[in-house]
C-alpha atoms as a PDB file:
ATOM      1  CA  MET A   1     -39.691  19.814   0.195  1.00  0.00           C
ATOM      2  CA  ILE A   2     -37.748  17.490   2.303  1.00  0.00           C
ATOM      3  CA  PRO A   3     -34.367  19.134   3.375  1.00  0.00           C
ATOM      4  CA  ARG A   4     -31.190  16.244   2.823  1.00  0.00           C
ATOM      5  CA  SER A   5     -29.369  14.776   5.237  1.00  0.00           C
ATOM      6  CA  SER A   6     -26.447  14.973   4.475  1.00  0.00           C
ATOM      7  CA  THR A   7     -24.276  17.971   2.874  1.00  0.00           C
ATOM      8  CA  ARG A   8     -24.019  17.813  -1.786  1.00  0.00           C
ATOM      9  CA  HIS A   9     -20.206  17.712  -2.431  1.00  0.00           C
ATOM     10  CA  PRO A  10     -19.155  18.731  -6.330  1.00  0.00           C
ATOM     11  CA  VAL A  11     -16.644  15.434  -7.688  1.00  0.00           C
ATOM     12  CA  ASN A  12     -15.819  14.188 -10.487  1.00  0.00           C
ATOM     13  CA  ILE A  13     -15.068  10.447 -10.521  1.00  0.00           C
ATOM     14  CA  ASP A  14     -15.865   8.013 -12.351  1.00  0.00           C
ATOM     15  CA  VAL A  15     -17.969   5.277 -10.858  1.00  0.00           C
ATOM     16  CA  THR A  16     -18.789   1.185 -12.144  1.00  0.00           C
ATOM     17  CA  VAL A  17     -22.219   0.608 -11.986  1.00  0.00           C
ATOM     18  CA  ILE A  18     -23.107  -2.554 -12.396  1.00  0.00           C
ATOM     19  CA  HIS A  19     -27.422  -3.559 -13.010  1.00  0.00           C
ATOM     20  CA  GLU A  20     -28.418  -6.941 -13.776  1.00  0.00           C
ATOM     21  CA  GLU A  21     -25.215  -8.633 -14.301  1.00  0.00           C
ATOM     22  CA  LYS A  22     -23.853  -5.853 -16.897  1.00  0.00           C
ATOM     23  CA  ARG A  23     -21.299  -3.114 -16.496  1.00  0.00           C
ATOM     24  CA  HIS A  24     -21.965   0.218 -17.318  1.00  0.00           C
ATOM     25  CA  ASP A  25     -18.725   3.108 -17.010  1.00  0.00           C
ATOM     26  CA  HIS A  26     -19.835   6.634 -15.751  1.00  0.00           C
ATOM     27  CA  VAL A  27     -18.997   9.855 -13.879  1.00  0.00           C
ATOM     28  CA  MET A  28     -19.686  10.487 -10.503  1.00  0.00           C
ATOM     29  CA  VAL A  29     -21.000  14.576 -10.601  1.00  0.00           C
ATOM     30  CA  ASN A  30     -21.448  15.063  -7.233  1.00  0.00           C
ATOM     31  CA  LEU A  31     -21.042  12.391  -4.138  1.00  0.00           C
ATOM     32  CA  SER A  32     -22.887  12.774   0.209  1.00  0.00           C
ATOM     33  CA  LEU A  33     -22.501  10.292   2.397  1.00  0.00           C
ATOM     34  CA  GLY A  34     -26.824   9.345   1.403  1.00  0.00           C
ATOM     35  CA  GLY A  35     -26.228   8.994  -2.382  1.00  0.00           C
ATOM     36  CA  ALA A  36     -24.877   9.869  -5.531  1.00  0.00           C
ATOM     37  CA  LEU A  37     -25.443  12.652  -8.518  1.00  0.00           C
ATOM     38  CA  LEU A  38     -24.498   9.786 -11.573  1.00  0.00           C
ATOM     39  CA  THR A  39     -23.697  10.999 -15.779  1.00  0.00           C
ATOM     40  CA  THR A  40     -25.215   8.230 -17.818  1.00  0.00           C
ATOM     41  CA  GLU A  41     -25.907   7.069 -20.315  1.00  0.00           C
ATOM     42  CA  GLU A  42     -27.931   4.189 -19.474  1.00  0.00           C
ATOM     43  CA  ARG A  43     -31.763   5.129 -18.808  1.00  0.00           C
ATOM     44  CA  PHE A  44     -31.812   2.839 -15.321  1.00  0.00           C
ATOM     45  CA  PRO A  45     -35.460   2.281 -13.918  1.00  0.00           C
ATOM     46  CA  LEU A  46     -36.453   4.044 -11.525  1.00  0.00           C
ATOM     47  CA  GLY A  47     -36.435   2.028  -7.359  1.00  0.00           C
ATOM     48  CA  ALA A  48     -34.161  -0.116  -9.338  1.00  0.00           C
ATOM     49  CA  SER A  49     -31.085  -1.703  -6.752  1.00  0.00           C
ATOM     50  CA  LEU A  50     -27.584  -1.027  -8.679  1.00  0.00           C
ATOM     51  CA  ASP A  51     -24.234  -1.660  -7.273  1.00  0.00           C
ATOM     52  CA  LEU A  52     -21.715   0.526  -7.494  1.00  0.00           C
ATOM     53  CA  VAL A  53     -17.152   0.711  -7.588  1.00  0.00           C
ATOM     54  CA  PHE A  54     -15.614   4.112  -6.898  1.00  0.00           C
ATOM     55  CA  SER A  55     -12.598   5.017  -5.170  1.00  0.00           C
ATOM     56  CA  VAL A  56     -11.340   8.481  -3.024  1.00  0.00           C
ATOM     57  CA  PRO A  57      -8.165   9.308  -1.747  1.00  0.00           C
ATOM     58  CA  THR A  58      -8.988   8.586   1.152  1.00  0.00           C
ATOM     59  CA  ALA A  59     -10.129   4.788   1.495  1.00  0.00           C
ATOM     60  CA  GLU A  60      -7.546   2.061   0.561  1.00  0.00           C
ATOM     61  CA  THR A  61      -9.866  -0.325  -1.174  1.00  0.00           C
ATOM     62  CA  PRO A  62     -12.034   0.985  -3.648  1.00  0.00           C
ATOM     63  CA  ILE A  63     -15.820   1.561  -2.424  1.00  0.00           C
ATOM     64  CA  ASN A  64     -18.646  -0.964  -3.483  1.00  0.00           C
ATOM     65  CA  VAL A  65     -22.436  -0.159  -2.135  1.00  0.00           C
ATOM     66  CA  LYS A  66     -25.311  -0.685  -2.953  1.00  0.00           C
ATOM     67  CA  ALA A  67     -27.835   2.381  -4.428  1.00  0.00           C
ATOM     68  CA  LEU A  68     -31.358   2.634  -5.280  1.00  0.00           C
ATOM     69  CA  VAL A  69     -32.176   4.615  -8.458  1.00  0.00           C
ATOM     70  CA  ARG A  70     -34.291   7.398  -7.233  1.00  0.00           C
ATOM     71  CA  TRP A  71     -34.414  10.122 -10.188  1.00  0.00           C
ATOM     72  CA  VAL A  72     -33.786  10.337 -13.845  1.00  0.00           C
ATOM     73  CA  SER A  73     -33.564  12.745 -16.190  1.00  0.00           C
ATOM     74  CA  GLU A  74     -31.981  12.687 -19.750  1.00  0.00           C
ATOM     75  CA  ASP A  75     -28.188  12.588 -18.695  1.00  0.00           C
ATOM     76  CA  SER A  76     -27.942  11.846 -15.154  1.00  0.00           C
ATOM     77  CA  THR A  77     -29.165   8.816 -12.833  1.00  0.00           C
ATOM     78  CA  GLY A  78     -29.864  10.012  -8.594  1.00  0.00           C
ATOM     79  CA  VAL A  79     -28.910   7.265  -6.177  1.00  0.00           C
ATOM     80  CA  GLN A  80     -29.238   6.372  -2.356  1.00  0.00           C
ATOM     81  CA  PHE A  81     -26.795   4.632  -1.454  1.00  0.00           C
ATOM     82  CA  ASP A  82     -27.806   1.845   0.937  1.00  0.00           C
ATOM     83  CA  GLY A  83     -25.099   0.356   3.113  1.00  0.00           C
ATOM     84  CA  LEU A  84     -22.181   2.306   2.828  1.00  0.00           C
ATOM     85  CA  ARG A  85     -19.367   0.715   5.987  1.00  0.00           C
ATOM     86  CA  ALA A  86     -18.754   2.539   9.232  1.00  0.00           C
ATOM     87  CA  ARG A  87     -15.150   2.409   7.492  1.00  0.00           C
ATOM     88  CA  GLU A  88     -16.224   3.923   3.611  1.00  0.00           C
ATOM     89  CA  VAL A  89     -17.945   6.587   5.777  1.00  0.00           C
ATOM     90  CA  TRP A  90     -15.152   8.132   7.701  1.00  0.00           C
ATOM     91  CA  SER A  91     -13.668   7.740   4.456  1.00  0.00           C
ATOM     92  CA  LEU A  92     -15.714   9.570   2.392  1.00  0.00           C
ATOM     93  CA  ASN A  93     -16.144  12.265   5.564  1.00  0.00           C
ATOM     94  CA  GLU A  94     -11.785  12.644   4.945  1.00  0.00           C
ATOM     95  CA  PHE A  95     -12.653  12.835   1.719  1.00  0.00           C
ATOM     96  CA  PHE A  96     -14.760  15.841   1.889  1.00  0.00           C
ATOM     97  CA  LYS A  97     -12.032  17.358   4.252  1.00  0.00           C
ATOM     98  CA  GLN A  98      -9.582  17.381   1.848  1.00  0.00           C
ATOM     99  CA  LEU A  99     -12.953  19.125  -0.728  1.00  0.00           C
ATOM    100  CA  GLN A 100     -13.284  21.960   1.339  1.00  0.00           C
ATOM    101  CA  GLY A 101      -9.774  22.797   2.361  1.00  0.00           C
END
């Protein structure tokens, strides 16, 4: 098994998922710099490209990032981020510090 490159943090964050120009509202239940776990009713195809939009208190504006579907189950979807910008990485790291404190 390949070890994860970043620590997962349990969260409860509303996230808008855009797939094929359709918007879906879901909840993010864990988050790392590498990706996230979403509770979903939709069954997104493996490898699908999604746009995620979500907010954390340490970011001045919502984070909008592309993500690839890495796995799906009956009620959740695991995604890998593709292209977090430096300010988003900083905001997420600051958010993670707050979660640990």
